[in-house]
């Protein structure tokens, strides 16, 4: 698969930095509330897992499977 990639747009480090920023923003915005974070399956699992484990407030997570 890597041989089919012509160039990388964002490094893994850049992506992880942004994921941490998003988790911090969500933690701040939803502090004191009871948020449920919902990921849409097929493609979100790795990103969603990385983000949710960095959220530092009580929350619930769920997934949806939808089709077009």
N, C-alpha and C. Protein backbone atom coordinates (compact mmCIF):
# COMPACT_ATOMS: atom_id res chain seq x y z
N UNK A 1 0.81 -1.19 0.00
CA UNK A 1 0.00 0.00 0.00
C UNK A 1 0.87 1.26 0.00
N UNK A 2 1.94 1.28 0.77
CA UNK A 2 2.79 2.46 0.85
C UNK A 2 3.37 2.85 -0.51
N UNK A 3 3.55 1.89 -1.39
CA UNK A 3 4.10 2.22 -2.70
C UNK A 3 3.12 2.99 -3.57
N UNK A 4 1.84 2.99 -3.19
CA UNK A 4 0.82 3.74 -3.92
C UNK A 4 0.65 5.16 -3.41
N UNK A 5 1.38 5.53 -2.36
CA UNK A 5 1.27 6.86 -1.77
C UNK A 5 2.32 7.76 -2.39
N UNK A 6 1.86 8.84 -3.03
CA UNK A 6 2.83 9.74 -3.68
C UNK A 6 3.44 10.73 -2.71
N UNK A 7 2.65 11.20 -1.73
CA UNK A 7 3.20 12.07 -0.68
C UNK A 7 2.26 12.09 0.52
N UNK A 8 2.82 12.44 1.66
CA UNK A 8 2.06 12.47 2.90
C UNK A 8 1.68 13.91 3.20
N UNK A 9 0.39 14.14 3.42
CA UNK A 9 -0.10 15.49 3.69
C UNK A 9 0.20 15.94 5.11
N UNK A 10 -0.06 15.09 6.08
CA UNK A 10 0.18 15.40 7.49
C UNK A 10 0.93 14.25 8.13
N UNK A 11 1.93 14.58 8.92
CA UNK A 11 2.68 13.53 9.61
C UNK A 11 1.84 12.95 10.75
N UNK A 12 2.24 11.80 11.23
CA UNK A 12 1.54 11.21 12.37
C UNK A 12 1.62 12.13 13.58
N UNK A 13 2.75 12.77 13.76
CA UNK A 13 2.92 13.71 14.88
C UNK A 13 1.95 14.89 14.76
N UNK A 14 1.78 15.43 13.57
CA UNK A 14 0.84 16.54 13.36
C UNK A 14 -0.60 16.10 13.67
N UNK A 15 -0.95 14.91 13.23
CA UNK A 15 -2.30 14.40 13.47
C UNK A 15 -2.52 14.21 14.97
N UNK A 16 -1.56 13.59 15.67
CA UNK A 16 -1.71 13.35 17.10
C UNK A 16 -1.76 14.66 17.88
N UNK A 17 -1.02 15.66 17.45
CA UNK A 17 -1.07 16.98 18.10
C UNK A 17 -2.47 17.56 17.98
N UNK A 18 -3.06 17.47 16.80
CA UNK A 18 -4.41 18.01 16.60
C UNK A 18 -5.45 17.22 17.38
N UNK A 19 -5.29 15.90 17.44
CA UNK A 19 -6.21 15.07 18.21
C UNK A 19 -6.19 15.50 19.68
N UNK A 20 -5.00 15.74 20.23
CA UNK A 20 -4.88 16.20 21.61
C UNK A 20 -5.56 17.55 21.79
N UNK A 21 -5.38 18.45 20.83
CA UNK A 21 -6.03 19.77 20.90
C UNK A 21 -7.55 19.64 20.90
N UNK A 22 -8.06 18.78 20.03
CA UNK A 22 -9.52 18.56 19.98
C UNK A 22 -10.04 17.99 21.29
N UNK A 23 -9.33 17.03 21.86
CA UNK A 23 -9.74 16.43 23.12
C UNK A 23 -9.75 17.47 24.23
N UNK A 24 -8.77 18.35 24.24
CA UNK A 24 -8.72 19.42 25.24
C UNK A 24 -9.89 20.37 25.07
N UNK A 25 -10.18 20.75 23.83
CA UNK A 25 -11.31 21.64 23.55
C UNK A 25 -12.64 21.01 23.99
N UNK A 26 -12.83 19.73 23.66
CA UNK A 26 -14.07 19.05 24.03
C UNK A 26 -14.19 18.92 25.54
N UNK A 27 -13.09 18.60 26.21
CA UNK A 27 -13.10 18.48 27.67
C UNK A 27 -13.49 19.80 28.31
N UNK A 28 -12.98 20.89 27.79
CA UNK A 28 -13.28 22.21 28.34
C UNK A 28 -14.74 22.60 28.05
N UNK A 29 -15.17 22.38 26.81
CA UNK A 29 -16.52 22.80 26.41
C UNK A 29 -17.62 22.00 27.11
N UNK A 30 -17.37 20.73 27.37
CA UNK A 30 -18.41 19.88 27.95
C UNK A 30 -18.20 19.57 29.42
N UNK A 31 -17.30 20.28 30.08
CA UNK A 31 -17.08 20.09 31.52
C UNK A 31 -18.38 20.36 32.27
N UNK A 32 -18.70 19.49 33.22
CA UNK A 32 -19.91 19.66 34.01
C UNK A 32 -21.17 19.18 33.32
N UNK A 33 -21.03 18.65 32.12
CA UNK A 33 -22.19 18.11 31.39
C UNK A 33 -22.03 16.61 31.29
N UNK A 34 -22.95 15.95 30.64
CA UNK A 34 -22.87 14.50 30.47
C UNK A 34 -22.84 14.17 28.98
N UNK A 35 -21.71 14.42 28.32
CA UNK A 35 -21.67 14.25 26.87
C UNK A 35 -21.65 12.78 26.42
N UNK A 36 -22.21 12.55 25.26
CA UNK A 36 -22.11 11.26 24.58
C UNK A 36 -21.44 11.55 23.25
N UNK A 37 -20.27 10.99 23.04
CA UNK A 37 -19.54 11.17 21.79
C UNK A 37 -19.85 9.99 20.89
N UNK A 38 -20.32 10.29 19.69
CA UNK A 38 -20.76 9.25 18.76
C UNK A 38 -19.86 9.26 17.53
N UNK A 39 -19.29 8.11 17.23
CA UNK A 39 -18.46 7.96 16.04
C UNK A 39 -19.22 7.18 14.99
N UNK A 40 -19.09 7.60 13.74
CA UNK A 40 -19.73 6.90 12.63
C UNK A 40 -18.76 5.86 12.10
N UNK A 41 -19.19 4.60 12.16
CA UNK A 41 -18.30 3.50 11.82
C UNK A 41 -17.92 3.45 10.35
N UNK A 42 -16.90 2.72 10.16
CA UNK A 42 -16.14 2.56 8.93
C UNK A 42 -15.25 3.78 8.77
N UNK A 43 -14.14 3.76 9.44
CA UNK A 43 -13.16 4.80 9.27
C UNK A 43 -12.85 5.64 10.48
N UNK A 44 -13.72 5.67 11.47
CA UNK A 44 -13.52 6.57 12.60
C UNK A 44 -12.81 5.89 13.78
N UNK A 45 -12.70 4.60 13.78
CA UNK A 45 -12.30 3.87 14.98
C UNK A 45 -10.94 4.33 15.53
N UNK A 46 -9.91 4.40 14.73
CA UNK A 46 -8.59 4.76 15.23
C UNK A 46 -8.57 6.20 15.74
N UNK A 47 -9.09 7.13 14.93
CA UNK A 47 -9.14 8.54 15.34
C UNK A 47 -9.96 8.69 16.62
N UNK A 48 -11.14 8.10 16.62
CA UNK A 48 -12.07 8.23 17.74
C UNK A 48 -11.44 7.69 19.03
N UNK A 49 -10.81 6.53 18.93
CA UNK A 49 -10.16 5.94 20.10
C UNK A 49 -9.05 6.82 20.64
N UNK A 50 -8.22 7.34 19.74
CA UNK A 50 -7.14 8.23 20.17
C UNK A 50 -7.68 9.48 20.85
N UNK A 51 -8.76 10.04 20.32
CA UNK A 51 -9.31 11.26 20.88
C UNK A 51 -10.01 11.00 22.22
N UNK A 52 -10.86 10.00 22.27
CA UNK A 52 -11.65 9.74 23.48
C UNK A 52 -10.77 9.40 24.67
N UNK A 53 -9.67 8.70 24.45
CA UNK A 53 -8.81 8.36 25.59
C UNK A 53 -8.10 9.58 26.16
N UNK A 54 -8.12 10.69 25.44
CA UNK A 54 -7.49 11.93 25.93
C UNK A 54 -8.51 12.91 26.52
N UNK A 55 -9.76 12.60 26.43
CA UNK A 55 -10.80 13.45 27.03
C UNK A 55 -10.78 13.18 28.53
N UNK A 56 -10.69 14.25 29.32
CA UNK A 56 -10.49 14.07 30.76
C UNK A 56 -11.72 14.43 31.59
N UNK A 57 -12.91 14.22 31.04
CA UNK A 57 -14.15 14.41 31.77
C UNK A 57 -14.97 13.13 31.63
N UNK A 58 -15.89 12.89 32.56
CA UNK A 58 -16.76 11.71 32.40
C UNK A 58 -17.60 11.85 31.13
N UNK A 59 -17.65 10.79 30.36
CA UNK A 59 -18.43 10.82 29.12
C UNK A 59 -18.81 9.40 28.73
N UNK A 60 -19.71 9.32 27.81
CA UNK A 60 -20.09 8.04 27.22
C UNK A 60 -19.68 8.07 25.76
N UNK A 61 -19.44 6.90 25.22
CA UNK A 61 -19.16 6.83 23.78
C UNK A 61 -20.10 5.81 23.15
N UNK A 62 -20.37 6.03 21.88
CA UNK A 62 -21.22 5.11 21.13
C UNK A 62 -20.80 5.18 19.68
N UNK A 63 -21.28 4.24 18.92
CA UNK A 63 -20.97 4.19 17.50
C UNK A 63 -22.26 4.01 16.71
N UNK A 64 -22.26 4.52 15.51
CA UNK A 64 -23.38 4.34 14.59
C UNK A 64 -22.85 3.73 13.30
N UNK A 65 -23.64 2.88 12.71
CA UNK A 65 -23.34 2.33 11.40
C UNK A 65 -24.41 2.89 10.47
N UNK A 66 -24.03 3.67 9.50
CA UNK A 66 -25.00 4.23 8.58
C UNK A 66 -24.57 3.92 7.15
N UNK A 67 -25.50 3.98 6.25
CA UNK A 67 -25.17 3.76 4.85
C UNK A 67 -25.85 4.85 4.01
N UNK A 68 -25.26 5.07 2.86
CA UNK A 68 -25.82 6.11 1.99
C UNK A 68 -26.86 5.54 1.06
